Amino acid sequence: MPGAAPRPGTHAWDPALYAANAGFVPALGAPVLDLLAPRAGERILDIGCGDGVLTERLVDAGCSVVGIDADTAMVAAARERG
């Protein structure tokens, strides 16, 4: 049910609210991507991919990426990015 408080021990994220209120988070991870220097053809597991902003950068670099997240809505948002 939208807007309902999550049960204890569950995760509930709204991708639109996340983007509006925590859109700075991918910027915090960007320097890590620069250090990793991803190359085309590399296979990467993105644990906690969220809405897929950083995952998308890895794909754009030519990497084969699998993203996982605890929240199905965030996974759906990441899939919408491609």
N, C-alpha and C. Protein backbone atom coordinates (compact mmCIF):
# COMPACT_ATOMS: atom_id res chain seq x y z
N MET A 1 0.84 -1.17 0.00
CA MET A 1 0.00 0.00 0.00
C MET A 1 0.90 1.24 0.00
N PRO A 2 0.79 2.10 -1.02
CA PRO A 2 1.63 3.30 -1.09
C PRO A 2 1.43 4.20 0.12
N GLY A 3 2.52 4.74 0.62
CA GLY A 3 2.46 5.66 1.75
C GLY A 3 2.40 4.99 3.11
N ALA A 4 2.20 3.68 3.14
CA ALA A 4 2.13 2.97 4.41
C ALA A 4 3.53 2.79 4.97
N ALA A 5 3.64 2.83 6.27
CA ALA A 5 4.93 2.61 6.92
C ALA A 5 5.34 1.15 6.73
N PRO A 6 6.63 0.92 6.45
CA PRO A 6 7.07 -0.46 6.28
C PRO A 6 7.03 -1.22 7.60
N ARG A 7 6.83 -2.52 7.49
CA ARG A 7 6.90 -3.37 8.67
C ARG A 7 8.34 -3.44 9.14
N PRO A 8 8.55 -3.63 10.44
CA PRO A 8 9.92 -3.77 10.93
C PRO A 8 10.63 -4.90 10.18
N GLY A 9 11.87 -4.65 9.81
CA GLY A 9 12.65 -5.65 9.11
C GLY A 9 12.43 -5.68 7.62
N THR A 10 11.62 -4.76 7.09
CA THR A 10 11.41 -4.69 5.65
C THR A 10 12.00 -3.39 5.11
N HIS A 11 12.17 -3.36 3.82
CA HIS A 11 12.69 -2.17 3.16
C HIS A 11 11.59 -1.59 2.29
N ALA A 12 11.44 -0.30 2.31
CA ALA A 12 10.47 0.36 1.45
C ALA A 12 11.09 1.66 0.95
N TRP A 13 11.37 1.71 -0.32
CA TRP A 13 11.97 2.89 -0.93
C TRP A 13 11.08 3.34 -2.07
N ASP A 14 10.99 4.62 -2.26
CA ASP A 14 10.27 5.19 -3.39
C ASP A 14 11.33 5.82 -4.29
N PRO A 15 11.51 5.30 -5.50
CA PRO A 15 12.56 5.82 -6.37
C PRO A 15 12.46 7.32 -6.63
N ALA A 16 11.25 7.85 -6.78
CA ALA A 16 11.10 9.29 -7.04
C ALA A 16 11.53 10.11 -5.82
N LEU A 17 11.12 9.66 -4.63
CA LEU A 17 11.54 10.37 -3.41
C LEU A 17 13.04 10.24 -3.19
N TYR A 18 13.57 9.07 -3.49
CA TYR A 18 15.02 8.86 -3.36
C TYR A 18 15.76 9.84 -4.27
N ALA A 19 15.34 9.94 -5.52
CA ALA A 19 16.00 10.85 -6.46
C ALA A 19 15.90 12.30 -6.00
N ALA A 20 14.74 12.66 -5.44
CA ALA A 20 14.53 14.04 -5.00
C ALA A 20 15.31 14.38 -3.73
N ASN A 21 15.39 13.42 -2.82
CA ASN A 21 15.99 13.69 -1.50
C ASN A 21 17.40 13.17 -1.32
N ALA A 22 17.79 12.21 -2.12
CA ALA A 22 19.12 11.61 -1.96
C ALA A 22 19.85 11.53 -3.29
N GLY A 23 19.49 12.42 -4.20
CA GLY A 23 20.13 12.43 -5.51
C GLY A 23 21.63 12.69 -5.46
N PHE A 24 22.11 13.19 -4.33
CA PHE A 24 23.54 13.45 -4.16
C PHE A 24 24.34 12.17 -3.94
N VAL A 25 23.69 11.08 -3.57
CA VAL A 25 24.40 9.85 -3.22
C VAL A 25 25.25 9.33 -4.38
N PRO A 26 24.72 9.26 -5.62
CA PRO A 26 25.59 8.80 -6.71
C PRO A 26 26.83 9.67 -6.90
N ALA A 27 26.72 10.96 -6.63
CA ALA A 27 27.89 11.83 -6.75
C ALA A 27 28.97 11.43 -5.74
N LEU A 28 28.56 10.92 -4.59
CA LEU A 28 29.52 10.46 -3.59
C LEU A 28 30.27 9.22 -4.07
N GLY A 29 29.60 8.39 -4.86
CA GLY A 29 30.22 7.17 -5.37
C GLY A 29 31.02 7.37 -6.64
N ALA A 30 30.83 8.50 -7.31
CA ALA A 30 31.51 8.74 -8.58
C ALA A 30 33.04 8.66 -8.47
N PRO A 31 33.66 9.22 -7.42
CA PRO A 31 35.12 9.09 -7.31
C PRO A 31 35.58 7.63 -7.20
N VAL A 32 34.76 6.79 -6.61
CA VAL A 32 35.11 5.37 -6.51
C VAL A 32 35.14 4.75 -7.91
N LEU A 33 34.16 5.12 -8.74
CA LEU A 33 34.17 4.62 -10.11
C LEU A 33 35.42 5.08 -10.85
N ASP A 34 35.82 6.31 -10.61
CA ASP A 34 37.04 6.82 -11.24
C ASP A 34 38.26 6.00 -10.81
N LEU A 35 38.31 5.63 -9.53
CA LEU A 35 39.43 4.81 -9.04
C LEU A 35 39.39 3.40 -9.62
N LEU A 36 38.19 2.86 -9.80
CA LEU A 36 38.06 1.52 -10.36
C LEU A 36 38.46 1.49 -11.83
N ALA A 37 38.29 2.61 -12.51
CA ALA A 37 38.61 2.72 -13.94
C ALA A 37 38.01 1.56 -14.72
N PRO A 38 36.67 1.46 -14.73
CA PRO A 38 36.03 0.34 -15.42
C PRO A 38 36.36 0.33 -16.91
N ARG A 39 36.56 -0.90 -17.44
CA ARG A 39 36.90 -1.06 -18.85
C ARG A 39 35.86 -1.92 -19.54
N ALA A 40 35.69 -1.67 -20.80
CA ALA A 40 34.73 -2.44 -21.60
C ALA A 40 35.02 -3.92 -21.46
N GLY A 41 33.97 -4.69 -21.30
CA GLY A 41 34.09 -6.14 -21.20
C GLY A 41 34.19 -6.67 -19.78
N GLU A 42 34.46 -5.80 -18.81
CA GLU A 42 34.53 -6.27 -17.43
C GLU A 42 33.14 -6.66 -16.93
N ARG A 43 33.10 -7.65 -16.06
CA ARG A 43 31.85 -8.09 -15.43
C ARG A 43 31.83 -7.56 -14.01
N ILE A 44 30.74 -6.86 -13.66
CA ILE A 44 30.67 -6.19 -12.36
C ILE A 44 29.35 -6.52 -11.68
N LEU A 45 29.41 -6.81 -10.38
CA LEU A 45 28.23 -7.00 -9.56
C LEU A 45 28.06 -5.74 -8.72
N ASP A 46 26.96 -5.03 -8.92
CA ASP A 46 26.67 -3.80 -8.19
C ASP A 46 25.69 -4.14 -7.06
N ILE A 47 26.22 -4.33 -5.86
CA ILE A 47 25.39 -4.68 -4.70
C ILE A 47 24.86 -3.39 -4.09
N GLY A 48 23.53 -3.31 -3.99
CA GLY A 48 22.90 -2.09 -3.50
C GLY A 48 22.82 -1.05 -4.62
N CYS A 49 22.40 -1.49 -5.79
CA CYS A 49 22.42 -0.62 -6.98
C CYS A 49 21.44 0.54 -6.90
N GLY A 50 20.48 0.49 -5.98
CA GLY A 50 19.52 1.58 -5.87
C GLY A 50 18.80 1.81 -7.17
N ASP A 51 18.70 3.07 -7.59
CA ASP A 51 17.98 3.38 -8.82
C ASP A 51 18.84 3.26 -10.08
N GLY A 52 20.06 2.78 -9.92
CA GLY A 52 20.89 2.44 -11.06
C GLY A 52 21.71 3.56 -11.68
N VAL A 53 21.84 4.69 -11.00
CA VAL A 53 22.59 5.81 -11.57
C VAL A 53 24.06 5.42 -11.81
N LEU A 54 24.71 4.84 -10.81
CA LEU A 54 26.11 4.44 -10.99
C LEU A 54 26.21 3.20 -11.87
N THR A 55 25.23 2.32 -11.78
CA THR A 55 25.20 1.14 -12.63
C THR A 55 25.20 1.56 -14.09
N GLU A 56 24.42 2.58 -14.39
CA GLU A 56 24.32 3.09 -15.76
C GLU A 56 25.68 3.59 -16.26
N ARG A 57 26.43 4.24 -15.39
CA ARG A 57 27.77 4.70 -15.79
C ARG A 57 28.68 3.53 -16.14
N LEU A 58 28.56 2.43 -15.39
CA LEU A 58 29.37 1.25 -15.68
C LEU A 58 28.97 0.64 -17.02
N VAL A 59 27.68 0.58 -17.28
CA VAL A 59 27.19 0.06 -18.56
C VAL A 59 27.68 0.95 -19.70
N ASP A 60 27.61 2.27 -19.50
CA ASP A 60 28.08 3.21 -20.52
C ASP A 60 29.57 3.03 -20.81
N ALA A 61 30.32 2.54 -19.83
CA ALA A 61 31.75 2.29 -20.02
C ALA A 61 32.00 0.95 -20.72
N GLY A 62 30.92 0.22 -21.02
CA GLY A 62 31.05 -1.04 -21.74
C GLY A 62 31.12 -2.27 -20.85
N CYS A 63 30.86 -2.10 -19.56
CA CYS A 63 30.89 -3.22 -18.63
C CYS A 63 29.59 -4.01 -18.71
N SER A 64 29.68 -5.27 -18.37
CA SER A 64 28.50 -6.12 -18.20
C SER A 64 28.18 -6.10 -16.71
N VAL A 65 27.03 -5.53 -16.35
CA VAL A 65 26.73 -5.26 -14.95
C VAL A 65 25.45 -5.97 -14.52
N VAL A 66 25.51 -6.59 -13.34
CA VAL A 66 24.33 -7.11 -12.67
C VAL A 66 24.15 -6.28 -11.41
N GLY A 67 22.99 -5.64 -11.28
CA GLY A 67 22.70 -4.84 -10.11
C GLY A 67 21.67 -5.53 -9.23
N ILE A 68 21.90 -5.53 -7.93
CA ILE A 68 20.93 -6.09 -7.00
C ILE A 68 20.65 -5.06 -5.91
N ASP A 69 19.44 -5.10 -5.39
CA ASP A 69 19.04 -4.18 -4.33
C ASP A 69 17.98 -4.87 -3.49
N ALA A 70 17.87 -4.46 -2.23
CA ALA A 70 16.89 -5.07 -1.32
C ALA A 70 15.46 -4.66 -1.65
N ASP A 71 15.29 -3.59 -2.40
CA ASP A 71 13.95 -3.09 -2.67
C ASP A 71 13.58 -3.29 -4.13
N THR A 72 12.45 -3.93 -4.38
CA THR A 72 12.03 -4.22 -5.75
C THR A 72 11.71 -2.96 -6.54
N ALA A 73 11.22 -1.91 -5.88
CA ALA A 73 10.93 -0.66 -6.60
C ALA A 73 12.21 -0.02 -7.11
N MET A 74 13.28 -0.11 -6.33
CA MET A 74 14.55 0.45 -6.76
C MET A 74 15.13 -0.37 -7.91
N VAL A 75 14.98 -1.69 -7.85
CA VAL A 75 15.44 -2.54 -8.95
C VAL A 75 14.67 -2.18 -10.22
N ALA A 76 13.37 -1.98 -10.09
CA ALA A 76 12.55 -1.60 -11.25
C ALA A 76 13.03 -0.27 -11.83
N ALA A 77 13.36 0.69 -10.96
CA ALA A 77 13.86 1.98 -11.43
C ALA A 77 15.20 1.81 -12.15
N ALA A 78 16.05 0.94 -11.64
CA ALA A 78 17.34 0.69 -12.29
C ALA A 78 17.12 0.04 -13.65
N ARG A 79 16.19 -0.88 -13.74
CA ARG A 79 15.90 -1.53 -15.02
C ARG A 79 15.39 -0.53 -16.05
N GLU A 80 14.62 0.44 -15.61
CA GLU A 80 14.11 1.46 -16.52
C GLU A 80 15.24 2.27 -17.15
N ARG A 81 16.36 2.36 -16.46
CA ARG A 81 17.53 3.07 -17.01
C ARG A 81 18.18 2.26 -18.13
N GLY A 82 17.89 0.98 -18.15
CA GLY A 82 18.45 0.15 -19.21
C GLY A 82 19.34 -0.89 -18.65
